[in-house]
Amino acid sequence: MKLSDRDFDQVVKRAIKRIPREIRRHLKNVLITVRKYPSREMLEELGISPAEPPPLGLYKGASLMERSETYPPLYPDTIFIFQEPLEEMCETSEELEREIEITVVHEVAHFIGIDDERLAELGYG
């Protein structure tokens, strides 16, 4: 499946609206940005070789557990959504919307410290 940038952005917006409030409320100060593909630096940081399947998303920032009043974040927290890998794995807009929702939820979980058990309870396990 291949969408225009504008259409993909609309799918991202719909996917974010589907996220449960318990998780979505943590997105208020998080920038969500779409990139076609992760950069070489991102892949290296994750320890992924160019031959391996790329990630669907990436969280960059200081998790809530790493923050304190003496150690505030220097940059805004960002969730990167990678358009091409997501499009490659999906056949319909509905499937794409669900995969984006799952990707954003998993990246937010890194930020707020939600464990895999709670993600499973919420239907994202």
Protein backbone atom coordinates (compact mmCIF):
# COMPACT_ATOMS: atom_id res chain seq x y z
CA MET A 1 0.00 0.00 0.00
CA LYS A 2 1.26 3.49 -0.80
CA LEU A 3 -0.35 6.74 0.37
CA SER A 4 0.43 10.37 -0.24
CA ASP A 5 2.04 12.19 2.67
CA ARG A 6 -1.23 14.01 3.33
CA ASP A 7 -3.30 10.82 3.35
CA PHE A 8 -0.78 9.07 5.60
CA ASP A 9 -0.92 12.00 8.05
CA GLN A 10 -4.71 11.64 8.16
CA VAL A 11 -4.39 7.94 8.98
CA VAL A 12 -1.93 8.84 11.77
CA LYS A 13 -4.42 11.34 13.22
CA ARG A 14 -7.23 8.76 13.17
CA ALA A 15 -4.95 6.16 14.77
CA ILE A 16 -4.01 8.52 17.61
CA LYS A 17 -7.69 9.25 18.33
CA ARG A 18 -8.25 5.48 18.82
CA ILE A 19 -5.65 5.24 21.59
CA PRO A 20 -7.20 4.85 25.06
CA ARG A 21 -7.29 8.05 27.10
CA GLU A 22 -5.08 6.48 29.79
CA ILE A 23 -2.25 6.42 27.27
CA ARG A 24 -3.21 9.28 24.94
CA ARG A 25 -3.08 11.83 27.76
CA HIS A 26 0.70 11.36 27.84
CA LEU A 27 0.99 12.63 24.26
CA LYS A 28 0.28 16.25 25.18
CA ASN A 29 3.95 17.20 25.35
CA VAL A 30 5.25 14.67 22.85
CA LEU A 31 5.92 15.54 19.24
CA ILE A 32 4.75 12.91 16.77
CA THR A 33 6.52 13.15 13.45
CA VAL A 34 6.39 11.05 10.31
CA ARG A 35 9.50 10.09 8.40
CA LYS A 36 9.61 7.95 5.29
CA TYR A 37 12.28 5.69 6.78
CA PRO A 38 14.59 5.69 9.81
CA SER A 39 17.92 7.41 9.28
CA ARG A 40 21.18 5.47 9.28
CA GLU A 41 21.98 7.04 12.68
CA MET A 42 18.67 5.84 14.12
CA LEU A 43 19.31 2.31 12.89
CA GLU A 44 22.83 2.34 14.34
CA GLU A 45 21.53 3.64 17.67
CA LEU A 46 19.06 0.74 17.78
CA GLY A 47 21.70 -1.76 16.71
CA ILE A 48 19.81 -2.63 13.53
CA SER A 49 21.75 -3.31 10.35
CA PRO A 50 20.39 -2.00 7.02
CA ALA A 51 19.75 -5.64 6.01
CA GLU A 52 17.33 -6.18 8.92
CA PRO A 53 13.67 -5.14 8.87
CA PRO A 54 13.39 -1.50 9.98
CA PRO A 55 11.43 -0.40 13.03
CA LEU A 56 7.92 0.97 12.58
CA GLY A 57 8.46 3.70 15.14
CA LEU A 58 10.99 5.13 17.55
CA TYR A 59 10.75 7.06 20.81
CA LYS A 60 13.47 9.68 21.40
CA GLY A 61 13.64 11.43 24.73
CA ALA A 62 13.94 10.95 28.46
CA SER A 63 11.40 8.56 29.96
CA LEU A 64 9.45 9.69 33.00
CA MET A 65 11.58 7.38 35.12
CA GLU A 66 14.77 9.15 33.97
CA ARG A 67 13.51 12.65 34.77
CA SER A 68 13.90 14.72 37.87
CA GLU A 69 13.88 18.38 38.76
CA THR A 70 17.66 18.37 38.53
CA TYR A 71 17.67 16.44 35.25
CA PRO A 72 15.02 17.98 32.97
CA PRO A 73 14.92 16.89 29.32
CA LEU A 74 17.01 19.01 26.98
CA TYR A 75 14.88 18.37 23.90
CA PRO A 76 11.21 17.66 23.35
CA ASP A 77 10.23 14.01 23.45
CA THR A 78 9.50 12.73 19.95
CA ILE A 79 7.83 9.66 18.54
CA PHE A 80 8.91 8.95 14.99
CA ILE A 81 6.49 7.01 12.78
CA PHE A 82 8.12 5.43 9.72
CA GLN A 83 5.77 5.54 6.77
CA GLU A 84 7.38 3.15 4.28
CA PRO A 85 7.87 0.18 6.63
CA LEU A 86 4.26 0.56 7.84
CA GLU A 87 2.89 0.80 4.29
CA GLU A 88 4.89 -2.26 3.24
CA MET A 89 3.30 -4.45 5.91
CA CYS A 90 -0.31 -3.30 5.44
CA GLU A 91 -2.81 -3.95 2.69
CA THR A 92 -5.70 -1.70 3.76
CA SER A 93 -6.16 1.70 5.39
CA GLU A 94 -7.85 0.03 8.34
CA GLU A 95 -4.90 -2.29 8.86
CA LEU A 96 -2.49 0.64 8.54
CA GLU A 97 -4.46 2.67 11.07
CA ARG A 98 -4.34 -0.20 13.57
CA GLU A 99 -0.58 -0.74 13.07
CA ILE A 100 0.09 2.97 13.61
CA GLU A 101 -2.04 2.88 16.76
CA ILE A 102 -0.09 -0.12 18.07
CA THR A 103 3.23 1.52 17.18
CA VAL A 104 2.41 4.80 18.94
CA VAL A 105 1.12 2.96 22.03
CA HIS A 106 4.30 0.91 22.26
CA GLU A 107 6.45 4.02 21.92
CA VAL A 108 4.41 5.86 24.58
CA ALA A 109 4.85 2.81 26.81
CA HIS A 110 8.63 3.36 26.62
CA PHE A 111 8.08 6.95 27.74
CA ILE A 112 5.77 6.29 30.69
CA GLY A 113 7.01 2.88 31.78
CA ILE A 114 4.01 0.70 30.93
CA ASP A 115 5.04 -2.94 31.10
CA ASP A 116 4.13 -5.67 28.63
CA GLU A 117 1.51 -7.14 30.98
CA ARG A 118 -0.43 -3.85 31.09
CA LEU A 119 -0.09 -3.44 27.31
CA ALA A 120 -1.60 -6.91 26.90
CA GLU A 121 -4.48 -5.96 29.23
CA LEU A 122 -5.14 -2.95 27.00
CA GLY A 123 -5.12 -5.11 23.87
CA TYR A 124 -1.63 -4.19 22.64
CA GLY A 125 0.32 -7.26 23.76
